[in-house]
């Protein structure tokens, strides 16, 4: 997880997960619409997830 991604996740969460797939963008967008904090937490969780 790069510093730029963390900064984007704090400022505008859906933009930070733009390359993680359509489902991730949709989930983070809905969480952000519910409140800024849930969107940030969701984006950080998705960015922190390790695949493989």
PDB file of N, CA and C in Angstrom:
ATOM      1  N   UNK A   1       0.858  -1.168   0.000  1.00  0.00           N
ATOM      2  CA  UNK A   1       0.000   0.000   0.000  1.00  0.00           C
ATOM      3  C   UNK A   1       0.903   1.229   0.000  1.00  0.00           C
ATOM      4  N   UNK A   2       0.774   2.039  -1.029  1.00  0.00           N
ATOM      5  CA  UNK A   2       1.632   3.213  -1.159  1.00  0.00           C
ATOM      6  C   UNK A   2       1.046   4.402  -0.400  1.00  0.00           C
ATOM      7  N   UNK A   3       1.883   5.369  -0.152  1.00  0.00           N
ATOM      8  CA  UNK A   3       1.459   6.572   0.561  1.00  0.00           C
ATOM      9  C   UNK A   3       0.426   7.357  -0.245  1.00  0.00           C
ATOM     10  N   UNK A   4       0.573   7.344  -1.565  1.00  0.00           N
ATOM     11  CA  UNK A   4      -0.389   8.048  -2.418  1.00  0.00           C
ATOM     12  C   UNK A   4      -1.776   7.414  -2.308  1.00  0.00           C
ATOM     13  N   UNK A   5      -1.831   6.093  -2.276  1.00  0.00           N
ATOM     14  CA  UNK A   5      -3.124   5.407  -2.136  1.00  0.00           C
ATOM     15  C   UNK A   5      -3.771   5.716  -0.802  1.00  0.00           C
ATOM     16  N   UNK A   6      -2.987   5.761   0.260  1.00  0.00           N
ATOM     17  CA  UNK A   6      -3.534   6.079   1.579  1.00  0.00           C
ATOM     18  C   UNK A   6      -4.062   7.504   1.597  1.00  0.00           C
ATOM     19  N   UNK A   7      -3.327   8.419   1.008  1.00  0.00           N
ATOM     20  CA  UNK A   7      -3.771   9.809   0.939  1.00  0.00           C
ATOM     21  C   UNK A   7      -5.064   9.928   0.132  1.00  0.00           C
ATOM     22  N   UNK A   8      -5.137   9.217  -1.004  1.00  0.00           N
ATOM     23  CA  UNK A   8      -6.371   9.222  -1.799  1.00  0.00           C
ATOM     24  C   UNK A   8      -7.525   8.598  -1.028  1.00  0.00           C
ATOM     25  N   UNK A   9      -7.249   7.555  -0.260  1.00  0.00           N
ATOM     26  CA  UNK A   9      -8.299   6.906   0.517  1.00  0.00           C
ATOM     27  C   UNK A   9      -8.861   7.840   1.582  1.00  0.00           C
ATOM     28  N   UNK A  10      -8.028   8.711   2.105  1.00  0.00           N
ATOM     29  CA  UNK A  10      -8.495   9.653   3.118  1.00  0.00           C
ATOM     30  C   UNK A  10      -9.252  10.811   2.470  1.00  0.00           C
ATOM     31  N   UNK A  11      -8.773  11.286   1.328  1.00  0.00           N
ATOM     32  CA  UNK A  11      -9.393  12.441   0.682  1.00  0.00           C
ATOM     33  C   UNK A  11     -10.651  12.050  -0.092  1.00  0.00           C
ATOM     34  N   UNK A  12     -10.529  11.060  -0.976  1.00  0.00           N
ATOM     35  CA  UNK A  12     -11.658  10.627  -1.810  1.00  0.00           C
ATOM     36  C   UNK A  12     -11.584   9.107  -1.980  1.00  0.00           C
ATOM     37  N   UNK A  13     -12.221   8.360  -1.074  1.00  0.00           N
ATOM     38  CA  UNK A  13     -12.066   6.905  -1.030  1.00  0.00           C
ATOM     39  C   UNK A  13     -12.339   6.150  -2.341  1.00  0.00           C
ATOM     40  N   UNK A  14     -13.381   6.469  -3.120  1.00  0.00           N
ATOM     41  CA  UNK A  14     -13.589   5.684  -4.343  1.00  0.00           C
ATOM     42  C   UNK A  14     -12.450   5.787  -5.357  1.00  0.00           C
ATOM     43  N   UNK A  15     -11.765   6.908  -5.378  1.00  0.00           N
ATOM     44  CA  UNK A  15     -10.657   7.076  -6.309  1.00  0.00           C
ATOM     45  C   UNK A  15      -9.465   6.199  -5.942  1.00  0.00           C
ATOM     46  N   UNK A  16      -9.317   5.892  -4.676  1.00  0.00           N
ATOM     47  CA  UNK A  16      -8.185   5.072  -4.232  1.00  0.00           C
ATOM     48  C   UNK A  16      -8.319   3.622  -4.670  1.00  0.00           C
ATOM     49  N   UNK A  17      -9.546   3.136  -4.850  1.00  0.00           N
ATOM     50  CA  UNK A  17      -9.755   1.725  -5.212  1.00  0.00           C
ATOM     51  C   UNK A  17     -10.175   1.564  -6.669  1.00  0.00           C
ATOM     52  N   UNK A  18      -9.853   2.527  -7.512  1.00  0.00           N
ATOM     53  CA  UNK A  18     -10.311   2.538  -8.892  1.00  0.00           C
ATOM     54  C   UNK A  18      -9.820   1.328  -9.689  1.00  0.00           C
ATOM     55  N   UNK A  19      -8.667   0.781  -9.343  1.00  0.00           N
ATOM     56  CA  UNK A  19      -8.139  -0.354 -10.105  1.00  0.00           C
ATOM     57  C   UNK A  19      -8.413  -1.698  -9.431  1.00  0.00           C
ATOM     58  N   UNK A  20      -9.204  -1.718  -8.386  1.00  0.00           N
ATOM     59  CA  UNK A  20      -9.493  -2.954  -7.667  1.00  0.00           C
ATOM     60  C   UNK A  20     -10.722  -3.679  -8.205  1.00  0.00           C
ATOM     61  N   UNK A  21     -11.424  -3.090  -9.138  1.00  0.00           N
ATOM     62  CA  UNK A  21     -12.596  -3.738  -9.718  1.00  0.00           C
ATOM     63  C   UNK A  21     -13.866  -2.958  -9.458  1.00  0.00           C
ATOM     64  N   UNK A  22     -14.882  -3.281 -10.235  1.00  0.00           N
ATOM     65  CA  UNK A  22     -16.154  -2.556 -10.169  1.00  0.00           C
ATOM     66  C   UNK A  22     -16.856  -2.753  -8.831  1.00  0.00           C
ATOM     67  N   UNK A  23     -16.788  -3.952  -8.285  1.00  0.00           N
ATOM     68  CA  UNK A  23     -17.446  -4.224  -7.008  1.00  0.00           C
ATOM     69  C   UNK A  23     -16.858  -3.407  -5.878  1.00  0.00           C
ATOM     70  N   UNK A  24     -15.548  -3.293  -5.859  1.00  0.00           N
ATOM     71  CA  UNK A  24     -14.892  -2.515  -4.805  1.00  0.00           C
ATOM     72  C   UNK A  24     -15.251  -1.040  -4.906  1.00  0.00           C
ATOM     73  N   UNK A  25     -15.277  -0.536  -6.120  1.00  0.00           N
ATOM     74  CA  UNK A  25     -15.645   0.877  -6.314  1.00  0.00           C
ATOM     75  C   UNK A  25     -17.070   1.124  -5.841  1.00  0.00           C
ATOM     76  N   UNK A  26     -17.969   0.206  -6.183  1.00  0.00           N
ATOM     77  CA  UNK A  26     -19.376   0.344  -5.797  1.00  0.00           C
ATOM     78  C   UNK A  26     -19.536   0.299  -4.277  1.00  0.00           C
ATOM     79  N   UNK A  27     -18.871  -0.646  -3.638  1.00  0.00           N
ATOM     80  CA  UNK A  27     -18.969  -0.767  -2.182  1.00  0.00           C
ATOM     81  C   UNK A  27     -18.437   0.480  -1.493  1.00  0.00           C
ATOM     82  N   UNK A  28     -17.274   0.946  -1.918  1.00  0.00           N
ATOM     83  CA  UNK A  28     -16.669   2.124  -1.280  1.00  0.00           C
ATOM     84  C   UNK A  28     -17.501   3.377  -1.560  1.00  0.00           C
ATOM     85  N   UNK A  29     -18.080   3.473  -2.748  1.00  0.00           N
ATOM     86  CA  UNK A  29     -18.932   4.631  -3.060  1.00  0.00           C
ATOM     87  C   UNK A  29     -20.170   4.645  -2.166  1.00  0.00           C
ATOM     88  N   UNK A  30     -20.799   3.497  -1.990  1.00  0.00           N
ATOM     89  CA  UNK A  30     -21.981   3.422  -1.120  1.00  0.00           C
ATOM     90  C   UNK A  30     -21.608   3.744   0.324  1.00  0.00           C
ATOM     91  N   UNK A  31     -20.479   3.197   0.781  1.00  0.00           N
ATOM     92  CA  UNK A  31     -20.032   3.517   2.142  1.00  0.00           C
ATOM     93  C   UNK A  31     -19.715   4.999   2.300  1.00  0.00           C
ATOM     94  N   UNK A  32     -19.133   5.609   1.275  1.00  0.00           N
ATOM     95  CA  UNK A  32     -18.814   7.032   1.336  1.00  0.00           C
ATOM     96  C   UNK A  32     -20.086   7.876   1.360  1.00  0.00           C
ATOM     97  N   UNK A  33     -21.099   7.449   0.627  1.00  0.00           N
ATOM     98  CA  UNK A  33     -22.369   8.179   0.652  1.00  0.00           C
ATOM     99  C   UNK A  33     -23.056   8.068   2.010  1.00  0.00           C
ATOM    100  N   UNK A  34     -22.830   6.944   2.706  1.00  0.00           N
ATOM    101  CA  UNK A  34     -23.382   6.790   4.053  1.00  0.00           C
ATOM    102  C   UNK A  34     -22.638   7.644   5.069  1.00  0.00           C
ATOM    103  N   UNK A  35     -21.411   7.904   4.787  1.00  0.00           N
ATOM    104  CA  UNK A  35     -20.589   8.723   5.683  1.00  0.00           C
ATOM    105  C   UNK A  35     -19.151   8.642   5.243  1.00  0.00           C
ATOM    106  N   UNK A  36     -18.394   9.690   5.530  1.00  0.00           N
ATOM    107  CA  UNK A  36     -17.018   9.739   5.068  1.00  0.00           C
ATOM    108  C   UNK A  36     -16.150   8.681   5.755  1.00  0.00           C
ATOM    109  N   UNK A  37     -16.329   8.517   7.053  1.00  0.00           N
ATOM    110  CA  UNK A  37     -15.503   7.582   7.821  1.00  0.00           C
ATOM    111  C   UNK A  37     -15.691   6.135   7.351  1.00  0.00           C
ATOM    112  N   UNK A  38     -16.922   5.644   7.157  1.00  0.00           N
ATOM    113  CA  UNK A  38     -17.057   4.271   6.642  1.00  0.00           C
ATOM    114  C   UNK A  38     -16.422   4.092   5.261  1.00  0.00           C
ATOM    115  N   UNK A  39     -16.476   5.115   4.426  1.00  0.00           N
ATOM    116  CA  UNK A  39     -15.838   5.040   3.118  1.00  0.00           C
ATOM    117  C   UNK A  39     -14.332   4.938   3.217  1.00  0.00           C
ATOM    118  N   UNK A  40     -13.746   5.701   4.115  1.00  0.00           N
ATOM    119  CA  UNK A  40     -12.293   5.656   4.314  1.00  0.00           C
ATOM    120  C   UNK A  40     -11.879   4.296   4.867  1.00  0.00           C
ATOM    121  N   UNK A  41     -12.618   3.798   5.840  1.00  0.00           N
ATOM    122  CA  UNK A  41     -12.296   2.494   6.420  1.00  0.00           C
ATOM    123  C   UNK A  41     -12.426   1.397   5.366  1.00  0.00           C
ATOM    124  N   UNK A  42     -13.487   1.442   4.575  1.00  0.00           N
ATOM    125  CA  UNK A  42     -13.668   0.448   3.520  1.00  0.00           C
ATOM    126  C   UNK A  42     -12.552   0.490   2.493  1.00  0.00           C
ATOM    127  N   UNK A  43     -12.157   1.673   2.095  1.00  0.00           N
ATOM    128  CA  UNK A  43     -11.073   1.807   1.112  1.00  0.00           C
ATOM    129  C   UNK A  43      -9.760   1.297   1.671  1.00  0.00           C
ATOM    130  N   UNK A  44      -9.473   1.596   2.915  1.00  0.00           N
ATOM    131  CA  UNK A  44      -8.222   1.131   3.518  1.00  0.00           C
ATOM    132  C   UNK A  44      -8.216  -0.387   3.684  1.00  0.00           C
ATOM    133  N   UNK A  45      -9.355  -0.962   4.013  1.00  0.00           N
ATOM    134  CA  UNK A  45      -9.440  -2.426   4.132  1.00  0.00           C
ATOM    135  C   UNK A  45      -9.219  -3.074   2.779  1.00  0.00           C
ATOM    136  N   UNK A  46      -9.836  -2.544   1.734  1.00  0.00           N
ATOM    137  CA  UNK A  46      -9.669  -3.115   0.401  1.00  0.00           C
ATOM    138  C   UNK A  46      -8.237  -2.937  -0.088  1.00  0.00           C
ATOM    139  N   UNK A  47      -7.629  -1.798   0.175  1.00  0.00           N
ATOM    140  CA  UNK A  47      -6.244  -1.580  -0.242  1.00  0.00           C
ATOM    141  C   UNK A  47      -5.265  -2.443   0.545  1.00  0.00           C
ATOM    142  N   UNK A  48      -5.600  -2.763   1.784  1.00  0.00           N
ATOM    143  CA  UNK A  48      -4.713  -3.542   2.636  1.00  0.00           C
ATOM    144  C   UNK A  48      -4.834  -5.057   2.387  1.00  0.00           C
ATOM    145  N   UNK A  49      -5.904  -5.455   1.712  1.00  0.00           N
ATOM    146  CA  UNK A  49      -6.129  -6.878   1.452  1.00  0.00           C
ATOM    147  C   UNK A  49      -5.030  -7.412   0.527  1.00  0.00           C
ATOM    148  N   UNK A  50      -4.455  -8.532   0.911  1.00  0.00           N
ATOM    149  CA  UNK A  50      -3.424  -9.152   0.084  1.00  0.00           C
ATOM    150  C   UNK A  50      -4.044 -10.307  -0.691  1.00  0.00           C
ATOM    151  N   UNK A  51      -3.741 -10.381  -1.961  1.00  0.00           N
ATOM    152  CA  UNK A  51      -4.259 -11.440  -2.804  1.00  0.00           C
ATOM    153  C   UNK A  51      -3.160 -12.451  -3.046  1.00  0.00           C
ATOM    154  N   UNK A  52      -3.491 -13.726  -2.850  1.00  0.00           N
ATOM    155  CA  UNK A  52      -2.535 -14.776  -3.156  1.00  0.00           C
ATOM    156  C   UNK A  52      -2.025 -15.500  -2.030  1.00  0.00           C
TER     157      UNK A  52
END
